[in-house]
Protein backbone atom coordinates (compact mmCIF):
# COMPACT_ATOMS: atom_id res chain seq x y z
CA UNK A 1 -152.32 106.13 -32.23
CA UNK A 2 -153.50 108.16 -29.29
CA UNK A 3 -156.70 106.62 -27.91
CA UNK A 4 -157.55 109.60 -25.63
CA UNK A 5 -160.02 112.32 -26.53
CA UNK A 6 -159.76 115.85 -25.51
CA UNK A 7 -162.29 117.49 -23.20
CA UNK A 8 -163.53 119.49 -26.17
CA UNK A 9 -164.11 116.29 -28.27
CA UNK A 10 -165.85 114.55 -25.30
CA UNK A 11 -168.14 117.56 -24.85
CA UNK A 12 -168.99 117.77 -28.53
CA UNK A 13 -170.01 114.04 -28.33
CA UNK A 14 -172.58 114.60 -25.69
CA UNK A 15 -176.08 114.26 -27.15
CA UNK A 16 -179.15 116.00 -25.94
CA UNK A 17 -180.60 112.48 -25.52
CA UNK A 18 -177.97 110.23 -24.21
CA UNK A 19 -179.20 106.60 -23.46
CA UNK A 20 -177.73 104.80 -20.50
CA UNK A 21 -175.63 101.86 -21.77
CA UNK A 22 -175.13 98.87 -19.46
CA UNK A 23 -173.12 95.80 -20.42
CA UNK A 24 -173.82 92.51 -18.66
CA UNK A 25 -170.90 90.19 -18.50
CA UNK A 26 -169.54 87.19 -16.65
CA UNK A 27 -166.19 85.53 -16.18
CA UNK A 28 -167.62 82.08 -17.04
CA UNK A 29 -170.68 80.74 -18.78
CA UNK A 30 -173.82 79.26 -17.03
CA UNK A 31 -174.04 81.84 -14.14
CA UNK A 32 -177.31 83.34 -15.31
CA UNK A 33 -176.05 86.46 -17.19
CA UNK A 34 -178.65 86.32 -19.92
CA UNK A 35 -181.44 85.52 -17.40
CA UNK A 36 -180.51 88.85 -15.70
CA UNK A 37 -180.31 90.70 -19.07
CA UNK A 38 -183.87 89.67 -20.29
CA UNK A 39 -185.66 90.24 -17.01
CA UNK A 40 -183.92 93.54 -16.39
CA UNK A 41 -184.95 94.61 -19.91
CA UNK A 42 -188.57 93.74 -19.21
CA UNK A 43 -188.59 95.55 -15.85
CA UNK A 44 -187.14 98.73 -17.28
CA UNK A 45 -189.63 98.58 -20.10
CA UNK A 46 -192.55 98.20 -17.62
CA UNK A 47 -191.30 101.41 -15.99
CA UNK A 48 -191.79 103.31 -19.19
CA UNK A 49 -188.28 103.26 -20.53
CA UNK A 50 -187.56 102.63 -24.19
CA UNK A 51 -185.14 99.69 -24.04
CA UNK A 52 -182.94 97.91 -26.59
CA UNK A 53 -181.37 94.64 -25.63
CA UNK A 54 -178.35 93.66 -27.85
CA UNK A 55 -177.41 90.01 -27.89
CA UNK A 56 -173.63 90.48 -28.09
CA UNK A 57 -172.77 86.86 -27.44
CA UNK A 58 -171.84 86.70 -31.07
CA UNK A 59 -171.66 83.13 -32.38
CA UNK A 60 -173.41 81.61 -29.37
CA UNK A 61 -176.37 84.04 -29.00
CA UNK A 62 -179.46 82.83 -27.03
CA UNK A 63 -181.43 85.81 -25.92
CA UNK A 64 -184.03 85.11 -28.78
CA UNK A 65 -184.25 81.43 -27.55
CA UNK A 66 -184.78 82.51 -23.89
CA UNK A 67 -187.59 84.79 -24.99
CA UNK A 68 -189.22 82.41 -27.50
CA UNK A 69 -188.64 84.88 -30.34
CA UNK A 70 -188.60 83.93 -33.99
CA UNK A 71 -185.81 85.86 -35.63
CA UNK A 72 -184.69 85.78 -39.27
CA UNK A 73 -181.75 88.24 -39.09
CA UNK A 74 -178.80 89.01 -36.80
CA UNK A 75 -175.81 91.29 -36.36
CA UNK A 76 -174.20 89.26 -39.11
CA UNK A 77 -176.60 90.73 -41.66
CA UNK A 78 -175.66 94.22 -40.38
CA UNK A 79 -171.99 93.50 -41.13
CA UNK A 80 -172.15 91.39 -44.25
CA UNK A 81 -175.27 92.26 -46.09
CA UNK A 82 -175.60 96.02 -45.15
CA UNK A 83 -179.02 95.63 -43.71
CA UNK A 84 -180.63 98.41 -41.90
CA UNK A 85 -180.82 98.10 -38.08
CA UNK A 86 -184.58 98.71 -38.05
CA UNK A 87 -184.98 95.58 -40.26
CA UNK A 88 -183.11 93.45 -37.74
CA UNK A 89 -184.60 94.62 -34.51
CA UNK A 90 -187.30 92.40 -33.12
CA UNK A 91 -190.02 93.92 -30.90
CA UNK A 92 -190.54 91.71 -27.80
CA UNK A 93 -194.00 91.16 -26.42
CA UNK A 94 -192.65 92.30 -23.01
CA UNK A 95 -192.21 95.82 -24.35
CA UNK A 96 -188.58 96.11 -25.34
CA UNK A 97 -186.64 95.63 -28.57
CA UNK A 98 -183.99 92.90 -29.28
CA UNK A 99 -181.05 92.91 -31.65
CA UNK A 100 -180.22 89.27 -32.24
CA UNK A 101 -176.68 88.20 -32.23
CA UNK A 102 -176.70 84.92 -34.28
CA UNK A 103 -175.76 81.48 -33.22
CA UNK A 104 -173.22 79.09 -34.69
CA UNK A 105 -171.45 81.89 -36.55
CA UNK A 106 -167.76 81.45 -35.93
CA UNK A 107 -166.86 84.52 -38.00
CA UNK A 108 -168.54 86.80 -35.47
CA UNK A 109 -166.56 85.56 -32.46
CA UNK A 110 -163.80 88.11 -33.12
CA UNK A 111 -164.88 91.35 -34.77
CA UNK A 112 -162.28 93.27 -36.70
CA UNK A 113 -161.85 96.99 -36.61
CA UNK A 114 -163.95 97.51 -39.70
CA UNK A 115 -166.84 95.50 -38.30
CA UNK A 116 -166.63 97.35 -34.97
CA UNK A 117 -166.77 100.68 -36.96
CA UNK A 118 -169.88 99.37 -38.76
CA UNK A 119 -171.63 98.59 -35.52
CA UNK A 120 -170.53 102.02 -34.16
CA UNK A 121 -171.96 103.93 -37.04
CA UNK A 122 -175.27 102.09 -36.82
CA UNK A 123 -175.87 102.11 -33.07
CA UNK A 124 -174.79 105.70 -32.33
CA UNK A 125 -177.70 106.86 -34.48
CA UNK A 126 -180.12 104.28 -33.15
CA UNK A 127 -179.23 105.09 -29.54
CA UNK A 128 -181.14 108.40 -29.90
CA UNK A 129 -184.36 106.40 -29.94
CA UNK A 130 -183.74 104.58 -26.58
CA UNK A 131 -183.53 105.40 -22.93
CA UNK A 132 -181.58 102.29 -21.93
CA UNK A 133 -179.39 99.96 -24.01
CA UNK A 134 -178.44 96.68 -22.47
CA UNK A 135 -175.51 94.68 -24.01
CA UNK A 136 -175.59 91.00 -23.14
CA UNK A 137 -171.93 89.98 -23.84
CA UNK A 138 -170.34 86.60 -24.19
CA UNK A 139 -168.80 85.00 -21.18
CA UNK A 140 -165.03 85.20 -20.63
CA UNK A 141 -162.41 87.82 -21.65
CA UNK A 142 -162.49 87.61 -25.47
CA UNK A 143 -162.03 90.63 -27.67
CA UNK A 144 -165.71 91.11 -28.30
CA UNK A 145 -166.40 91.17 -24.54
CA UNK A 146 -163.75 93.80 -24.00
CA UNK A 147 -165.01 95.89 -26.88
CA UNK A 148 -168.65 95.85 -25.81
CA UNK A 149 -167.98 96.35 -22.11
CA UNK A 150 -165.55 99.13 -22.53
CA UNK A 151 -168.06 100.92 -24.84
CA UNK A 152 -170.60 100.95 -22.05
CA UNK A 153 -171.28 103.56 -19.53
CA UNK A 154 -171.74 100.92 -16.81
CA UNK A 155 -170.27 97.32 -16.60
CA UNK A 156 -172.35 94.86 -14.65
CA UNK A 157 -170.68 91.61 -13.75
CA UNK A 158 -172.79 88.48 -12.85
CA UNK A 159 -171.22 85.57 -10.86
CA UNK A 160 -172.19 82.76 -8.51
CA UNK A 161 -170.58 81.68 -5.21
CA UNK A 162 -168.84 78.83 -7.17
CA UNK A 163 -165.01 79.29 -6.67
CA UNK A 164 -164.42 79.01 -10.40
CA UNK A 165 -167.03 81.75 -11.12
CA UNK A 166 -165.46 83.96 -8.52
CA UNK A 167 -162.00 83.51 -9.90
CA UNK A 168 -163.13 84.09 -13.50
CA UNK A 169 -165.10 87.18 -12.48
CA UNK A 170 -161.99 88.58 -10.89
CA UNK A 171 -160.01 87.83 -14.14
CA UNK A 172 -162.70 89.57 -16.18
CA UNK A 173 -162.48 92.71 -13.93
CA UNK A 174 -158.75 92.61 -13.99
CA UNK A 175 -158.48 92.48 -17.79
CA UNK A 176 -161.13 95.13 -18.41
CA UNK A 177 -159.54 97.56 -15.89
CA UNK A 178 -155.99 97.01 -17.16
CA UNK A 179 -156.60 96.84 -20.86
CA UNK A 180 -159.67 98.95 -21.35
CA UNK A 181 -159.53 101.31 -18.33
CA UNK A 182 -162.88 100.30 -16.93
CA UNK A 183 -162.72 101.18 -13.31
CA UNK A 184 -166.29 100.96 -11.95
CA UNK A 185 -168.29 97.73 -11.94
CA UNK A 186 -171.75 96.74 -10.61
CA UNK A 187 -171.95 93.25 -9.24
CA UNK A 188 -174.90 90.69 -8.96
CA UNK A 189 -174.40 87.34 -7.28
CA UNK A 190 -176.74 84.75 -8.71
CA UNK A 191 -177.88 81.24 -7.33
CA UNK A 192 -177.34 82.09 -3.73
CA UNK A 193 -178.99 83.62 -0.55
CA UNK A 194 -178.42 86.90 1.15
CA UNK A 195 -175.61 85.76 3.48
CA UNK A 196 -173.64 83.88 0.79
CA UNK A 197 -174.20 86.67 -1.65
CA UNK A 198 -172.48 89.16 0.68
CA UNK A 199 -169.72 86.65 1.45
CA UNK A 200 -169.03 86.06 -2.23
CA UNK A 201 -169.01 89.81 -2.93
CA UNK A 202 -166.63 90.46 0.01
CA UNK A 203 -164.29 87.80 -1.35
CA UNK A 204 -164.25 89.46 -4.75
CA UNK A 205 -163.93 92.94 -3.18
CA UNK A 206 -160.96 91.78 -0.94
CA UNK A 207 -158.81 90.51 -3.82
CA UNK A 208 -159.81 93.47 -6.12
CA UNK A 209 -158.85 96.07 -3.47
CA UNK A 210 -155.56 94.27 -2.90
CA UNK A 211 -154.40 94.15 -6.55
CA UNK A 212 -156.59 96.37 -8.68
CA UNK A 213 -157.51 100.07 -8.89
CA UNK A 214 -161.25 99.50 -9.31
CA UNK A 215 -164.54 100.36 -7.62
CA UNK A 216 -167.13 97.49 -7.00
CA UNK A 217 -170.69 98.29 -6.33
CA UNK A 218 -172.76 95.36 -4.83
CA UNK A 219 -176.28 95.55 -6.29
CA UNK A 220 -177.62 92.43 -4.66
CA UNK A 221 -178.25 88.70 -5.20
CA UNK A 222 -180.67 86.41 -7.08
CA UNK A 223 -181.86 83.42 -4.94
CA UNK A 224 -181.32 79.93 -6.21
CA UNK A 225 -184.94 78.81 -7.03
CA UNK A 226 -186.39 76.08 -9.10
CA UNK A 227 -188.69 78.64 -10.78
CA UNK A 228 -185.61 80.13 -12.51
CA UNK A 229 -184.91 76.94 -14.42
CA UNK A 230 -188.56 76.45 -15.17
CA UNK A 231 -188.82 79.95 -16.62
CA UNK A 232 -185.86 79.25 -18.85
CA UNK A 233 -187.27 75.90 -20.04
CA UNK A 234 -190.63 77.39 -20.70
CA UNK A 235 -189.15 80.54 -22.40
CA UNK A 236 -191.10 82.76 -19.93
CA UNK A 237 -189.87 85.67 -17.97
CA UNK A 238 -190.16 85.66 -14.19
CA UNK A 239 -190.43 89.41 -13.64
CA UNK A 240 -193.95 90.71 -12.82
CA UNK A 241 -195.63 87.34 -12.28
CA UNK A 242 -196.66 88.16 -8.74
CA UNK A 243 -194.38 85.52 -7.08
CA UNK A 244 -192.05 86.18 -4.18
CA UNK A 245 -189.09 85.64 -6.50
CA UNK A 246 -190.53 88.17 -8.97
CA UNK A 247 -190.92 90.80 -6.28
CA UNK A 248 -187.29 90.16 -5.22
CA UNK A 249 -186.11 90.67 -8.82
CA UNK A 250 -188.16 93.86 -9.11
CA UNK A 251 -186.48 95.33 -5.96
CA UNK A 252 -183.07 94.19 -7.24
CA UNK A 253 -183.60 95.86 -10.68
CA UNK A 254 -185.00 99.03 -9.03
CA UNK A 255 -181.85 99.21 -6.96
CA UNK A 256 -179.68 98.83 -10.09
CA UNK A 257 -181.67 101.38 -12.15
CA UNK A 258 -181.63 103.84 -9.35
CA UNK A 259 -177.85 103.88 -9.20
CA UNK A 260 -176.63 107.33 -10.32
CA UNK A 261 -175.12 107.59 -13.80
CA UNK A 262 -171.35 107.68 -13.96
CA UNK A 263 -170.70 111.30 -15.06
CA UNK A 264 -167.26 110.41 -16.16
CA UNK A 265 -168.66 107.93 -18.66
CA UNK A 266 -171.95 109.46 -19.63
CA UNK A 267 -170.79 111.50 -22.50
CA UNK A 268 -173.15 109.75 -24.99
CA UNK A 269 -173.16 106.49 -26.86
CA UNK A 270 -171.06 107.80 -29.82
CA UNK A 271 -168.22 108.92 -27.53
CA UNK A 272 -167.88 105.50 -25.92
CA UNK A 273 -168.13 103.40 -29.01
CA UNK A 274 -165.40 105.56 -30.49
CA UNK A 275 -163.43 105.35 -27.37
CA UNK A 276 -163.59 101.51 -27.53
CA UNK A 277 -162.75 101.61 -31.24
CA UNK A 278 -159.72 103.72 -30.58
CA UNK A 279 -158.54 101.15 -27.99
CA UNK A 280 -158.87 98.37 -30.61
CA UNK A 281 -156.90 100.41 -33.06
CA UNK A 282 -154.17 100.85 -30.45
CA UNK A 283 -154.02 97.06 -30.07
CA UNK A 284 -153.66 96.71 -33.74
CA UNK A 285 -150.91 99.33 -33.87
CA UNK A 286 -149.08 97.47 -31.04
CA UNK A 287 -149.17 94.31 -33.09
CA UNK A 288 -147.78 96.15 -36.12
CA UNK A 289 -145.05 97.66 -34.06
CA UNK A 290 -143.98 94.33 -32.62
CA UNK A 291 -143.87 92.70 -36.00
CA UNK A 292 -141.74 95.55 -37.29
CA UNK A 293 -139.41 95.29 -34.31
CA UNK A 294 -138.94 91.64 -34.83
CA UNK A 295 -138.23 92.23 -38.45
CA UNK A 296 -135.51 94.73 -37.56
CA UNK A 297 -133.83 92.37 -35.21
CA UNK A 298 -133.57 89.53 -37.80
């Protein structure tokens, strides 16, 4: 199956109102990816944007826990019970909407093509109601991560100076670029200071420039601060609380939001979900072809 779309098809997919879609991913867990996601969502909402935060860490979702939200539904209900999206979305007191992902649901850890199509059909219509859609993916390089990240206009990678985090971030970028043709990445280094943040990014950039055909854009760093852990434990956001750390986060997110949109990937939410679905279908076709080939050789 040919996963490419003609220029005409791409142009026809462009909506008059096309939300910016940013995925937030990490090579390994525990690096603060969801912390960045929820505070970024709150900051963008405070600037007047209509924001939807999708908890796409399916099976181990925790956006609702971090925000102290009580949720009764999840993406699982969208897939299995045919629920309407508006019945599952939870308005957050901080001014943005959340689509819960569901926790402890093993069957959601690897979506099949039909389930991906269901999400596509639902979100391409809902996207018209938002200015910004943030997708908080799972950690690692699983199929769901690749699906959601490749369906986004912008891929944001969060890492720490820890060597294992750096190695796993490179692995994530490598897989997304080689398997899903994602070529541009924004990078935030968490739990660090200005100097070590730059050093960590330069290490990532050095190995990526040597072996990969990608462009890395360093957005900035998040300081290692006891208030971060306290905010998570108390289920409170740090953004806009008047502290020095909050002001740092506001400048960081202003820098991120001010980055120009990627014209090559801003053809609308529908176009990119379909593009990602096509890539998944190609993977399925490859499996079928391999099975058929093995059968012919026996």
